[in-house]
Every structure is written in C-alpha cells, then in structure tokens.
Amino acid sequence: MRFYGVGLVCDKERNCVLCRFRSGFLDTDDERVAARLIELGYKYDADIIPALPPEPKEPTEPVRPEPPKPRHRGKPAKRSNRKREAT
C-alpha cells in the first residue's frame, strides 16, 4: 500500500517511530502500520483495505480506587535520649 504524508509518525503504544514518509509517500506491506495509518486518516492507494484490529473492550465494572488510609493523629512517641547499652 502507498500512503501519502510528510515527516514521521510516532507509535504511542511502543514508544517509537511507526514510519517515516520519504518524498511525500510511504510504501509498506506491514498490516499493523497500514491499519494504524488508515485509523489516523492518512490518504492511501490500494485495492485491498486491511482489516483493522479490534478495539479494546472496556471493563464491565468500573475500577474503583482504594480509599485513602487514615493518618495517625495521636501524639508522636517520645524518644529516649539514653544510649543503648551494648550486650
């Protein structure tokens, strides 16, 4: 497939460069790259459109954060000024 664009496209999932456009276009056979570029809306020339990967499912129940732990509000313990004796 041939895609048209300028510069490079970053891949957030893998934290790297997905592809670079040279002279205003990119030729690729990689289905993942093609699917991502189509999803991002880049113009392309092809007879066959690759199948887009399925969208991730949302959890059935929302994940609830744990409540904050209570802080100790009493007076701090007094420390002894005496040195410990060696045994």
Protein backbone atom coordinates (compact mmCIF):
# COMPACT_ATOMS: atom_id res chain seq x y z
CA MET A 1 0.00 0.00 0.00
CA ARG A 2 1.15 3.53 -0.66
CA PHE A 3 0.39 6.22 1.91
CA TYR A 4 0.82 9.94 1.44
CA GLY A 5 2.13 12.26 4.12
CA VAL A 6 5.08 14.28 5.39
CA GLY A 7 7.59 13.63 8.18
CA LEU A 8 7.24 10.76 10.61
CA VAL A 9 4.51 9.10 12.64
CA CYS A 10 5.10 8.09 16.27
CA ASP A 11 3.71 4.93 17.85
CA LYS A 12 2.40 5.70 21.36
CA GLU A 13 1.91 2.02 22.25
CA ARG A 14 5.54 1.04 21.64
CA ASN A 15 7.06 4.49 22.27
CA CYS A 16 8.97 4.55 18.97
CA VAL A 17 8.69 5.75 15.37
CA LEU A 18 5.96 3.90 13.46
CA CYS A 19 7.07 5.06 9.98
CA ARG A 20 8.77 7.85 8.00
CA PHE A 21 7.47 9.41 4.82
CA ARG A 22 10.14 9.88 2.12
CA SER A 23 9.43 12.26 -0.78
CA GLY A 24 5.84 12.60 0.41
CA PHE A 25 4.88 8.91 0.40
CA LEU A 26 5.45 5.56 2.11
CA ASP A 27 5.21 2.08 0.59
CA THR A 28 4.52 -0.66 3.14
CA ASP A 29 3.29 -4.25 3.31
CA ASP A 30 3.12 -4.27 7.12
CA GLU A 31 -0.55 -4.72 8.11
CA ARG A 32 -0.06 -3.11 11.53
CA VAL A 33 1.49 0.04 10.05
CA ALA A 34 -1.17 0.19 7.33
CA ALA A 35 -4.04 -0.27 9.80
CA ARG A 36 -2.67 2.43 12.11
CA LEU A 37 -2.18 4.93 9.26
CA ILE A 38 -5.73 4.30 7.97
CA GLU A 39 -7.04 4.75 11.52
CA LEU A 40 -5.17 8.07 11.76
CA GLY A 41 -6.73 9.24 8.48
CA TYR A 42 -3.77 9.28 6.06
CA LYS A 43 -4.59 9.14 2.33
CA TYR A 44 -3.61 5.92 0.56
CA ASP A 45 -3.78 3.96 -2.71
CA ALA A 46 -4.70 0.29 -2.52
CA ASP A 47 -7.11 -2.25 -3.94
CA ILE A 48 -7.47 -4.14 -0.65
CA ILE A 49 -8.11 -2.46 2.67
CA PRO A 50 -6.53 -4.44 5.53
CA ALA A 51 -8.74 -5.47 8.44
CA LEU A 52 -8.47 -3.06 11.32
CA PRO A 53 -7.51 -4.57 14.67
CA PRO A 54 -10.40 -4.97 17.11
CA GLU A 55 -10.91 -2.14 19.55
CA PRO A 56 -10.07 -2.95 23.16
CA LYS A 57 -13.05 -3.88 25.30
CA GLU A 58 -13.97 -1.69 28.21
CA PRO A 59 -14.20 -3.37 31.61
CA THR A 60 -17.73 -4.39 32.60
CA GLU A 61 -17.46 -2.74 36.02
CA PRO A 62 -15.57 0.46 36.59
CA VAL A 63 -12.41 0.02 38.61
CA ARG A 64 -12.77 1.80 41.93
CA PRO A 65 -9.69 3.23 43.59
CA GLU A 66 -8.96 2.14 47.14
CA PRO A 67 -9.99 4.65 49.80
CA PRO A 68 -7.12 6.60 51.35
CA LYS A 69 -5.65 5.13 54.53
CA PRO A 70 -6.31 7.16 57.66
CA ARG A 71 -3.37 9.06 59.09
CA HIS A 72 -2.25 8.63 62.66
CA ARG A 73 -3.43 11.71 64.53
CA GLY A 74 -2.07 10.93 68.00
CA LYS A 75 1.00 12.47 69.60
CA PRO A 76 4.33 11.09 68.42
CA ALA A 77 6.09 8.69 70.81
CA LYS A 78 8.82 10.22 72.96
CA ARG A 79 12.31 9.07 72.18
CA SER A 80 14.74 8.33 74.90
CA ASN A 81 17.95 10.35 74.99
CA ARG A 82 19.84 7.50 76.63
CA LYS A 83 22.17 5.42 74.51
CA ARG A 84 21.55 1.73 74.30
CA GLU A 85 23.87 -0.48 76.26
CA ALA A 86 25.88 -2.99 74.29
CA THR A 87 25.25 -6.64 75.19
